[in-house]
Amino acid sequence: MRSFRPAVLALSLLAGTAAPARADLTAFLGATTTPTNRQVRGAAAGSGLLVAGFEFEYSATTEDVQTGAPALKLFSGNGLLQTPQPILGFQPYVIAGAGIFRERVGPATETGLAPNAGGGVKIALFGPVRLRLDYRRFRLGDKARYSPSSRFYAGLNLKF
């Protein structure tokens, strides 16, 4: 029984010093720039510890009938690495992940895998509210009309 005391003490100390998990929500508006600029809207929810985290994201890009640019819906899970604390109000990050895309041009649709990578910055505004600027590049499946696809957005991010 005496041999368990140091182990219990060590586990108690580790649990008491663990970094709290953080979470955030982002609502965004931006542009998918491949093959033409079209509006994209979406949302992301994430969580993480000090430097590493993950998020789930949904976005929808409008179709441009005149140029034949497809509507594009993406759902992805991503891992991210960020600075542990903001630097002068800026918290840069890099992000990568994979998900599923659905591309639609008129009645024709295509669905497949969509790995992505990119980066951005979260900028402190006031309290828990931040501005999030993000650039992402998606490699859409082989049968997608345009791949890779690039996206830039700005969003309001709520940290809690």
N, C-alpha and C. Protein backbone atom coordinates (compact mmCIF):
# COMPACT_ATOMS: atom_id res chain seq x y z
N MET A 1 0.82 -1.19 0.00
CA MET A 1 0.00 0.00 0.00
C MET A 1 0.86 1.26 0.00
N ARG A 2 2.01 1.21 0.71
CA ARG A 2 2.89 2.37 0.77
C ARG A 2 3.45 2.73 -0.60
N SER A 3 3.65 1.75 -1.50
CA SER A 3 4.23 2.04 -2.81
C SER A 3 3.28 2.83 -3.71
N PHE A 4 1.99 2.84 -3.42
CA PHE A 4 1.04 3.58 -4.23
C PHE A 4 0.99 5.07 -3.87
N ARG A 5 1.43 5.44 -2.69
CA ARG A 5 1.37 6.84 -2.27
C ARG A 5 2.14 7.78 -3.20
N PRO A 6 3.40 7.47 -3.56
CA PRO A 6 4.10 8.37 -4.48
C PRO A 6 3.40 8.49 -5.85
N ALA A 7 2.85 7.39 -6.34
CA ALA A 7 2.17 7.43 -7.63
C ALA A 7 0.91 8.29 -7.55
N VAL A 8 0.15 8.15 -6.47
CA VAL A 8 -1.06 8.95 -6.30
C VAL A 8 -0.70 10.42 -6.14
N LEU A 9 0.36 10.72 -5.41
CA LEU A 9 0.81 12.10 -5.24
C LEU A 9 1.25 12.68 -6.58
N ALA A 10 2.00 11.93 -7.37
CA ALA A 10 2.47 12.41 -8.67
C ALA A 10 1.29 12.67 -9.61
N LEU A 11 0.32 11.77 -9.67
CA LEU A 11 -0.86 11.97 -10.52
C LEU A 11 -1.68 13.17 -10.06
N SER A 12 -1.78 13.38 -8.78
CA SER A 12 -2.52 14.54 -8.25
C SER A 12 -1.85 15.84 -8.66
N LEU A 13 -0.51 15.88 -8.58
CA LEU A 13 0.22 17.08 -8.98
C LEU A 13 0.08 17.34 -10.48
N LEU A 14 0.15 16.30 -11.29
CA LEU A 14 -0.02 16.46 -12.73
C LEU A 14 -1.42 16.95 -13.08
N ALA A 15 -2.43 16.40 -12.46
CA ALA A 15 -3.81 16.82 -12.73
C ALA A 15 -4.03 18.27 -12.31
N GLY A 16 -3.40 18.69 -11.26
CA GLY A 16 -3.55 20.06 -10.78
C GLY A 16 -2.84 21.08 -11.64
N THR A 17 -1.85 20.65 -12.43
CA THR A 17 -1.10 21.60 -13.26
C THR A 17 -1.42 21.48 -14.75
N ALA A 18 -2.37 20.63 -15.12
CA ALA A 18 -2.71 20.47 -16.54
C ALA A 18 -3.30 21.75 -17.09
N ALA A 19 -2.96 22.05 -18.34
CA ALA A 19 -3.50 23.24 -19.01
C ALA A 19 -4.98 23.02 -19.30
N PRO A 20 -5.81 24.03 -19.06
CA PRO A 20 -7.23 23.87 -19.34
C PRO A 20 -7.49 23.81 -20.84
N ALA A 21 -8.47 23.04 -21.22
CA ALA A 21 -8.85 22.97 -22.64
C ALA A 21 -9.54 24.27 -23.01
N ARG A 22 -9.32 24.73 -24.22
CA ARG A 22 -9.94 25.94 -24.75
C ARG A 22 -10.81 25.56 -25.93
N ALA A 23 -11.82 26.32 -26.17
CA ALA A 23 -12.69 26.08 -27.32
C ALA A 23 -12.99 27.41 -27.99
N ASP A 24 -13.36 27.33 -29.26
CA ASP A 24 -13.79 28.54 -29.96
C ASP A 24 -14.76 28.20 -31.08
N LEU A 25 -15.54 29.19 -31.44
CA LEU A 25 -16.49 29.10 -32.55
C LEU A 25 -16.19 30.23 -33.52
N THR A 26 -16.30 29.96 -34.81
CA THR A 26 -16.07 30.97 -35.84
C THR A 26 -17.20 30.94 -36.85
N ALA A 27 -17.74 32.09 -37.17
CA ALA A 27 -18.66 32.25 -38.29
C ALA A 27 -17.91 33.10 -39.32
N PHE A 28 -17.88 32.66 -40.58
CA PHE A 28 -17.04 33.38 -41.54
C PHE A 28 -17.73 33.63 -42.87
N LEU A 29 -17.15 34.59 -43.59
CA LEU A 29 -17.59 35.00 -44.91
C LEU A 29 -16.32 35.29 -45.71
N GLY A 30 -16.27 34.82 -46.94
CA GLY A 30 -15.06 35.05 -47.72
C GLY A 30 -15.27 34.74 -49.18
N ALA A 31 -14.17 34.32 -49.83
CA ALA A 31 -14.20 34.04 -51.26
C ALA A 31 -13.44 32.76 -51.58
N THR A 32 -14.06 31.93 -52.40
CA THR A 32 -13.36 30.82 -53.04
C THR A 32 -12.87 31.40 -54.36
N THR A 33 -11.58 31.32 -54.60
CA THR A 33 -10.99 32.03 -55.74
C THR A 33 -10.72 31.16 -56.96
N THR A 34 -11.11 29.88 -56.91
CA THR A 34 -10.85 28.96 -58.01
C THR A 34 -12.17 28.52 -58.62
N PRO A 35 -12.43 28.63 -59.87
CA PRO A 35 -11.68 29.30 -60.93
C PRO A 35 -11.98 30.81 -60.98
N THR A 36 -13.09 31.23 -60.35
CA THR A 36 -13.42 32.66 -60.26
C THR A 36 -13.78 32.97 -58.82
N ASN A 37 -13.80 34.24 -58.46
CA ASN A 37 -14.18 34.63 -57.10
C ASN A 37 -15.68 34.43 -56.91
N ARG A 38 -16.00 33.63 -55.86
CA ARG A 38 -17.38 33.39 -55.48
C ARG A 38 -17.49 33.44 -53.97
N GLN A 39 -18.66 33.83 -53.49
CA GLN A 39 -18.84 33.95 -52.04
C GLN A 39 -18.83 32.59 -51.37
N VAL A 40 -18.16 32.52 -50.21
CA VAL A 40 -18.19 31.34 -49.36
C VAL A 40 -18.65 31.77 -47.98
N ARG A 41 -19.49 30.94 -47.36
CA ARG A 41 -19.95 31.16 -45.98
C ARG A 41 -19.76 29.87 -45.23
N GLY A 42 -19.55 30.00 -43.92
CA GLY A 42 -19.41 28.78 -43.15
C GLY A 42 -19.21 29.03 -41.68
N ALA A 43 -18.92 27.93 -40.98
CA ALA A 43 -18.71 27.98 -39.53
C ALA A 43 -17.72 26.90 -39.14
N ALA A 44 -17.02 27.15 -38.05
CA ALA A 44 -16.05 26.19 -37.52
C ALA A 44 -16.17 26.15 -36.00
N ALA A 45 -15.96 24.99 -35.43
CA ALA A 45 -15.95 24.81 -33.98
C ALA A 45 -14.71 24.01 -33.65
N GLY A 46 -13.94 24.49 -32.67
CA GLY A 46 -12.70 23.81 -32.35
C GLY A 46 -12.39 23.80 -30.87
N SER A 47 -11.40 23.00 -30.52
CA SER A 47 -10.94 22.89 -29.14
C SER A 47 -9.48 22.48 -29.17
N GLY A 48 -8.80 22.72 -28.06
CA GLY A 48 -7.42 22.32 -28.00
C GLY A 48 -6.78 22.65 -26.68
N LEU A 49 -5.53 22.26 -26.57
CA LEU A 49 -4.75 22.60 -25.40
C LEU A 49 -3.89 23.80 -25.73
N LEU A 50 -2.73 23.88 -25.18
CA LEU A 50 -1.90 25.07 -25.31
C LEU A 50 -1.50 25.39 -26.75
N VAL A 51 -0.92 24.43 -27.46
CA VAL A 51 -0.37 24.67 -28.79
C VAL A 51 -1.14 23.90 -29.87
N ALA A 52 -1.59 22.70 -29.58
CA ALA A 52 -2.25 21.86 -30.58
C ALA A 52 -3.76 21.86 -30.35
N GLY A 53 -4.49 21.75 -31.45
CA GLY A 53 -5.94 21.70 -31.35
C GLY A 53 -6.53 21.03 -32.56
N PHE A 54 -7.85 20.96 -32.58
CA PHE A 54 -8.56 20.41 -33.72
C PHE A 54 -9.83 21.21 -33.91
N GLU A 55 -10.39 21.14 -35.12
CA GLU A 55 -11.66 21.80 -35.38
C GLU A 55 -12.42 21.07 -36.46
N PHE A 56 -13.72 21.27 -36.44
CA PHE A 56 -14.60 20.77 -37.49
C PHE A 56 -15.18 21.99 -38.18
N GLU A 57 -15.30 21.89 -39.50
CA GLU A 57 -15.69 23.06 -40.28
C GLU A 57 -16.65 22.67 -41.39
N TYR A 58 -17.59 23.57 -41.67
CA TYR A 58 -18.50 23.43 -42.80
C TYR A 58 -18.46 24.73 -43.59
N SER A 59 -18.40 24.62 -44.92
CA SER A 59 -18.45 25.82 -45.76
C SER A 59 -19.23 25.53 -47.03
N ALA A 60 -19.85 26.59 -47.57
CA ALA A 60 -20.62 26.46 -48.81
C ALA A 60 -20.28 27.64 -49.72
N THR A 61 -19.88 27.32 -50.93
CA THR A 61 -19.54 28.32 -51.96
C THR A 61 -20.64 28.34 -53.00
N THR A 62 -21.00 29.54 -53.43
CA THR A 62 -22.06 29.67 -54.42
C THR A 62 -21.58 29.30 -55.82
N GLU A 63 -22.52 28.93 -56.68
CA GLU A 63 -22.23 28.59 -58.08
C GLU A 63 -22.24 29.87 -58.91
N ASP A 64 -21.39 29.94 -59.93
CA ASP A 64 -21.41 31.04 -60.90
C ASP A 64 -21.81 30.43 -62.24
N VAL A 65 -23.06 30.55 -62.59
CA VAL A 65 -23.61 29.92 -63.79
C VAL A 65 -22.94 30.46 -65.06
N GLN A 66 -22.66 31.75 -65.11
CA GLN A 66 -22.08 32.36 -66.32
C GLN A 66 -20.72 31.79 -66.67
N THR A 67 -19.87 31.53 -65.66
CA THR A 67 -18.53 31.02 -65.94
C THR A 67 -18.42 29.50 -65.78
N GLY A 68 -19.49 28.87 -65.28
CA GLY A 68 -19.44 27.42 -65.06
C GLY A 68 -18.70 27.03 -63.81
N ALA A 69 -18.45 27.99 -62.92
CA ALA A 69 -17.78 27.69 -61.65
C ALA A 69 -18.76 26.98 -60.72
N PRO A 70 -18.39 25.83 -60.18
CA PRO A 70 -19.34 25.02 -59.42
C PRO A 70 -19.63 25.55 -58.02
N ALA A 71 -20.82 25.18 -57.52
CA ALA A 71 -21.12 25.35 -56.10
C ALA A 71 -20.29 24.29 -55.38
N LEU A 72 -19.79 24.60 -54.21
CA LEU A 72 -18.91 23.68 -53.50
C LEU A 72 -19.25 23.67 -52.02
N LYS A 73 -19.55 22.50 -51.49
CA LYS A 73 -19.79 22.34 -50.06
C LYS A 73 -18.67 21.46 -49.51
N LEU A 74 -18.13 21.88 -48.36
CA LEU A 74 -17.03 21.15 -47.73
C LEU A 74 -17.32 20.92 -46.26
N PHE A 75 -17.05 19.72 -45.79
CA PHE A 75 -17.08 19.42 -44.36
C PHE A 75 -15.74 18.78 -44.05
N SER A 76 -15.00 19.36 -43.09
CA SER A 76 -13.67 18.82 -42.81
C SER A 76 -13.35 18.81 -41.33
N GLY A 77 -12.46 17.91 -40.97
CA GLY A 77 -11.86 17.85 -39.65
C GLY A 77 -10.40 18.23 -39.80
N ASN A 78 -9.91 19.13 -38.95
CA ASN A 78 -8.57 19.67 -39.12
C ASN A 78 -7.81 19.67 -37.80
N GLY A 79 -6.50 19.52 -37.90
CA GLY A 79 -5.61 19.71 -36.75
C GLY A 79 -4.89 21.04 -36.94
N LEU A 80 -4.61 21.72 -35.84
CA LEU A 80 -3.91 23.00 -35.97
C LEU A 80 -2.84 23.15 -34.90
N LEU A 81 -1.83 23.91 -35.25
CA LEU A 81 -0.76 24.30 -34.32
C LEU A 81 -0.76 25.81 -34.26
N GLN A 82 -0.75 26.37 -33.05
CA GLN A 82 -0.79 27.81 -32.89
C GLN A 82 0.15 28.23 -31.77
N THR A 83 0.45 29.52 -31.73
CA THR A 83 1.27 30.01 -30.63
C THR A 83 0.47 29.85 -29.34
N PRO A 84 1.13 29.55 -28.23
CA PRO A 84 0.39 29.31 -26.99
C PRO A 84 -0.37 30.55 -26.49
N GLN A 85 0.15 31.72 -26.76
CA GLN A 85 -0.48 32.98 -26.35
C GLN A 85 -0.41 33.95 -27.52
N PRO A 86 -1.33 34.90 -27.59
CA PRO A 86 -1.23 35.92 -28.64
C PRO A 86 0.05 36.74 -28.48
N ILE A 87 0.61 37.17 -29.60
CA ILE A 87 1.80 38.02 -29.61
C ILE A 87 1.34 39.39 -30.09
N LEU A 88 1.31 40.36 -29.19
CA LEU A 88 0.80 41.71 -29.49
C LEU A 88 -0.61 41.65 -30.05
N GLY A 89 -1.44 40.74 -29.51
CA GLY A 89 -2.82 40.61 -29.94
C GLY A 89 -3.04 39.70 -31.13
N PHE A 90 -1.97 39.15 -31.71
CA PHE A 90 -2.07 38.27 -32.88
C PHE A 90 -1.68 36.85 -32.49
N GLN A 91 -2.51 35.87 -32.88
CA GLN A 91 -2.20 34.47 -32.62
C GLN A 91 -2.17 33.71 -33.95
N PRO A 92 -0.98 33.56 -34.55
CA PRO A 92 -0.88 32.84 -35.83
C PRO A 92 -1.05 31.34 -35.64
N TYR A 93 -1.48 30.67 -36.72
CA TYR A 93 -1.64 29.23 -36.68
C TYR A 93 -1.42 28.63 -38.07
N VAL A 94 -1.11 27.35 -38.10
CA VAL A 94 -1.10 26.55 -39.33
C VAL A 94 -2.12 25.44 -39.12
N ILE A 95 -2.74 25.03 -40.21
CA ILE A 95 -3.84 24.07 -40.11
C ILE A 95 -3.80 23.10 -41.28
N ALA A 96 -4.17 21.86 -41.03
CA ALA A 96 -4.24 20.84 -42.10
C ALA A 96 -5.27 19.80 -41.68
N GLY A 97 -5.89 19.21 -42.68
CA GLY A 97 -6.88 18.19 -42.37
C GLY A 97 -7.44 17.58 -43.64
N ALA A 98 -8.57 16.93 -43.48
CA ALA A 98 -9.23 16.28 -44.61
C ALA A 98 -10.72 16.26 -44.36
N GLY A 99 -11.44 16.14 -45.45
CA GLY A 99 -12.89 16.09 -45.33
C GLY A 99 -13.52 15.58 -46.61
N ILE A 100 -14.77 15.93 -46.76
CA ILE A 100 -15.55 15.50 -47.91
C ILE A 100 -16.07 16.75 -48.62
N PHE A 101 -16.01 16.73 -49.95
CA PHE A 101 -16.54 17.84 -50.73
C PHE A 101 -17.70 17.35 -51.58
N ARG A 102 -18.58 18.27 -51.92
CA ARG A 102 -19.64 18.02 -52.90
C ARG A 102 -19.67 19.21 -53.83
N GLU A 103 -19.41 18.94 -55.09
CA GLU A 103 -19.36 19.96 -56.13
C GLU A 103 -20.60 19.80 -57.01
N ARG A 104 -21.23 20.94 -57.34
CA ARG A 104 -22.43 20.89 -58.18
C ARG A 104 -22.35 21.96 -59.25
N VAL A 105 -22.56 21.54 -60.50
CA VAL A 105 -22.70 22.46 -61.63
C VAL A 105 -23.98 22.05 -62.33
N GLY A 106 -25.01 22.90 -62.25
CA GLY A 106 -26.31 22.52 -62.80
C GLY A 106 -26.79 21.26 -62.12
N PRO A 107 -27.21 20.25 -62.88
CA PRO A 107 -27.68 19.01 -62.27
C PRO A 107 -26.54 18.02 -61.94
N ALA A 108 -25.35 18.26 -62.46
CA ALA A 108 -24.23 17.32 -62.25
C ALA A 108 -23.57 17.56 -60.89
N THR A 109 -23.31 16.46 -60.17
CA THR A 109 -22.64 16.56 -58.87
C THR A 109 -21.46 15.60 -58.82
N GLU A 110 -20.52 15.94 -57.97
CA GLU A 110 -19.35 15.09 -57.73
C GLU A 110 -19.06 15.16 -56.23
N THR A 111 -18.77 14.02 -55.63
CA THR A 111 -18.45 13.93 -54.21
C THR A 111 -17.15 13.18 -54.05
N GLY A 112 -16.31 13.63 -53.11
CA GLY A 112 -15.05 12.93 -52.88
C GLY A 112 -14.30 13.48 -51.69
N LEU A 113 -13.06 13.02 -51.54
CA LEU A 113 -12.21 13.45 -50.44
C LEU A 113 -11.56 14.79 -50.75
N ALA A 114 -11.30 15.56 -49.69
CA ALA A 114 -10.72 16.89 -49.87
C ALA A 114 -9.71 17.18 -48.76
N PRO A 115 -8.45 16.74 -48.92
CA PRO A 115 -7.43 17.17 -47.96
C PRO A 115 -7.16 18.66 -48.11
N ASN A 116 -6.75 19.31 -47.03
CA ASN A 116 -6.50 20.75 -47.09
C ASN A 116 -5.35 21.14 -46.18
N ALA A 117 -4.77 22.30 -46.46
CA ALA A 117 -3.71 22.87 -45.63
C ALA A 117 -3.75 24.38 -45.78
N GLY A 118 -3.30 25.08 -44.76
CA GLY A 118 -3.29 26.54 -44.82
C GLY A 118 -2.82 27.14 -43.53
N GLY A 119 -3.24 28.36 -43.30
CA GLY A 119 -2.84 29.05 -42.09
C GLY A 119 -3.61 30.34 -41.94
N GLY A 120 -3.35 31.00 -40.83
CA GLY A 120 -4.05 32.25 -40.60
C GLY A 120 -3.62 32.88 -39.29
N VAL A 121 -4.46 33.80 -38.84
CA VAL A 121 -4.19 34.52 -37.61
C VAL A 121 -5.51 34.88 -36.94
N LYS A 122 -5.51 34.80 -35.62
CA LYS A 122 -6.64 35.25 -34.82
C LYS A 122 -6.19 36.55 -34.13
N ILE A 123 -6.97 37.62 -34.33
CA ILE A 123 -6.60 38.95 -33.84
C ILE A 123 -7.57 39.37 -32.76
N ALA A 124 -7.05 39.67 -31.57
CA ALA A 124 -7.89 40.08 -30.45
C ALA A 124 -8.60 41.39 -30.76
N LEU A 125 -9.91 41.44 -30.53
CA LEU A 125 -10.69 42.66 -30.72
C LEU A 125 -11.09 43.23 -29.36
N PHE A 126 -11.95 42.50 -28.64
CA PHE A 126 -12.36 42.89 -27.29
C PHE A 126 -12.88 41.66 -26.57
N GLY A 127 -12.55 41.55 -25.30
CA GLY A 127 -12.98 40.40 -24.51
C GLY A 127 -12.63 39.10 -25.21
N PRO A 128 -13.61 38.19 -25.30
CA PRO A 128 -13.34 36.90 -25.96
C PRO A 128 -13.55 36.93 -27.48
N VAL A 129 -13.84 38.09 -28.04
CA VAL A 129 -14.12 38.19 -29.48
C VAL A 129 -12.84 38.50 -30.25
N ARG A 130 -12.61 37.72 -31.33
CA ARG A 130 -11.43 37.91 -32.16
C ARG A 130 -11.84 37.93 -33.63
N LEU A 131 -11.01 38.56 -34.44
CA LEU A 131 -11.15 38.51 -35.89
C LEU A 131 -10.25 37.37 -36.36
N ARG A 132 -10.78 36.50 -37.20
CA ARG A 132 -9.98 35.38 -37.72
C ARG A 132 -9.83 35.55 -39.22
N LEU A 133 -8.59 35.55 -39.68
CA LEU A 133 -8.27 35.59 -41.11
C LEU A 133 -7.64 34.26 -41.47
N ASP A 134 -8.11 33.61 -42.53
CA ASP A 134 -7.70 32.25 -42.83
C ASP A 134 -7.54 32.07 -44.35
N TYR A 135 -6.47 31.38 -44.75
CA TYR A 135 -6.28 30.99 -46.14
C TYR A 135 -6.16 29.47 -46.15
N ARG A 136 -6.87 28.83 -47.08
CA ARG A 136 -6.83 27.38 -47.16
C ARG A 136 -6.77 26.95 -48.62
N ARG A 137 -6.07 25.85 -48.86
CA ARG A 137 -5.97 25.25 -50.20
C ARG A 137 -6.47 23.81 -50.09
N PHE A 138 -7.45 23.47 -50.91
CA PHE A 138 -8.07 22.14 -50.89
C PHE A 138 -7.70 21.38 -52.16
N ARG A 139 -7.30 20.14 -51.98
CA ARG A 139 -7.07 19.24 -53.13
C ARG A 139 -8.31 18.38 -53.26
N LEU A 140 -9.15 18.72 -54.20
CA LEU A 140 -10.39 18.00 -54.39
C LEU A 140 -10.13 16.72 -55.16
N GLY A 141 -11.00 15.74 -55.04
CA GLY A 141 -10.83 14.45 -55.69
C GLY A 141 -10.57 14.53 -57.18
N ASP A 142 -10.15 13.42 -57.77
CA ASP A 142 -9.74 13.35 -59.17
C ASP A 142 -10.80 13.84 -60.15
N LYS A 143 -12.06 13.65 -59.85
CA LYS A 143 -13.11 13.99 -60.81
C LYS A 143 -13.67 15.39 -60.58
N ALA A 144 -13.10 16.15 -59.66
CA ALA A 144 -13.57 17.52 -59.43
C ALA A 144 -13.25 18.37 -60.65
N ARG A 145 -14.07 19.33 -60.87
CA ARG A 145 -13.89 20.19 -62.04
C ARG A 145 -12.64 21.05 -61.93
N TYR A 146 -12.39 21.63 -60.76
CA TYR A 146 -11.22 22.48 -60.53
C TYR A 146 -10.53 22.07 -59.24
N SER A 147 -9.30 21.65 -59.33
CA SER A 147 -8.53 21.29 -58.15
C SER A 147 -7.06 21.61 -58.43
N PRO A 148 -6.36 22.19 -57.50
CA PRO A 148 -6.78 22.55 -56.14
C PRO A 148 -7.67 23.80 -56.15
N SER A 149 -8.38 23.96 -55.04
CA SER A 149 -9.28 25.09 -54.85
C SER A 149 -8.77 25.94 -53.69
N SER A 150 -8.72 27.24 -53.88
CA SER A 150 -8.22 28.15 -52.84
C SER A 150 -9.37 28.94 -52.22
N ARG A 151 -9.23 29.23 -50.93
CA ARG A 151 -10.26 29.98 -50.21
C ARG A 151 -9.61 30.93 -49.21
N PHE A 152 -10.16 32.13 -49.11
CA PHE A 152 -9.75 33.10 -48.10
C PHE A 152 -11.01 33.58 -47.40
N TYR A 153 -10.94 33.68 -46.05
CA TYR A 153 -12.10 34.22 -45.35
C TYR A 153 -11.70 35.07 -44.17
N ALA A 154 -12.66 35.89 -43.74
CA ALA A 154 -12.58 36.65 -42.51
C ALA A 154 -13.79 36.26 -41.69
N GLY A 155 -13.59 36.10 -40.40
CA GLY A 155 -14.70 35.69 -39.56
C GLY A 155 -14.60 36.23 -38.15
N LEU A 156 -15.71 36.20 -37.46
CA LEU A 156 -15.72 36.54 -36.04
C LEU A 156 -15.56 35.25 -35.26
N ASN A 157 -14.64 35.27 -34.32
CA ASN A 157 -14.27 34.11 -33.54
C ASN A 157 -14.56 34.40 -32.08
N LEU A 158 -15.27 33.48 -31.42
CA LEU A 158 -15.58 33.62 -30.00
C LEU A 158 -14.81 32.57 -29.24
N LYS A 159 -13.94 33.01 -28.35
CA LYS A 159 -13.09 32.13 -27.55
C LYS A 159 -13.73 31.94 -26.17
N PHE A 160 -13.83 30.68 -25.75
CA PHE A 160 -14.35 30.41 -24.39
C PHE A 160 -13.68 29.21 -23.79
